[in-house]
Amino acid sequence: INSVWVWGELGPMTVWVTQGGFEDKEESKDQWTCVHEQTHPESREVLRELRLSVPIVLLPGQSVGMYVHSKTEGDEQIVYDNQRKGHADEFLEIGSGKAHLVNLPFSRFGSQGQHWWGSPWRQRREFVGRLDYGLRWLLWNPDCNKNLPPAFRSIVWTLMMTRHDRARQSFLWHLETEMLFYIINK
């Protein structure tokens, strides 16, 4: 994930990440890493990009918690929505989160020391914005074979067996080894 796009009053913005999700870490700053810190102008009509200083790298099946925060006072700093459903595509799943209404990150109290009636964290909120991310495809080679799914490894094994002299009757035996590697990595 290279950047987060948001809109609202914005102002001094930070983006934080933590491994394994955000549950029970909302007020534990030491469990988070800041990957963006910059002041952004208010934007009520277009999304503003918060470019991350360090991209967030996710491996298959891995999850991270992301905390987008504004030091601007009020409750319109970052636009969010009530949770309806999560969002997912073929590669990435975004679950529901929480909205934080305090202008000090990870705090139960605002900069003026005010106490919120109840928790300043609003449950079941949904991200409104955009994430920019790219994929790095894993190309097959003998070293990474063990990291691939068993069905894929079985296919590779079957194709590699066509390199043996006993496989001369197979039409795949006539293909160059480079062609098999191309097929495996396509």
Foldseek 3Di string as FASTA:
>chain_A
DFKWWWAWQAFWKWKKKAWPECPPCQQPCVRIDTFFTDTDHHDDDGIDIGTGNDDDDDDPPTDMYMDMAGLDADAGNTDWAAADAWDDDPGDTGGFDWDARENDGSDQAHPVRDHDPPGSIHPRIGHDTDDDDDDDDDQDDVVCLVVDDPVLNVVLVVLVVLCDPVNPVPPSVPDDPVVVSVVSRD
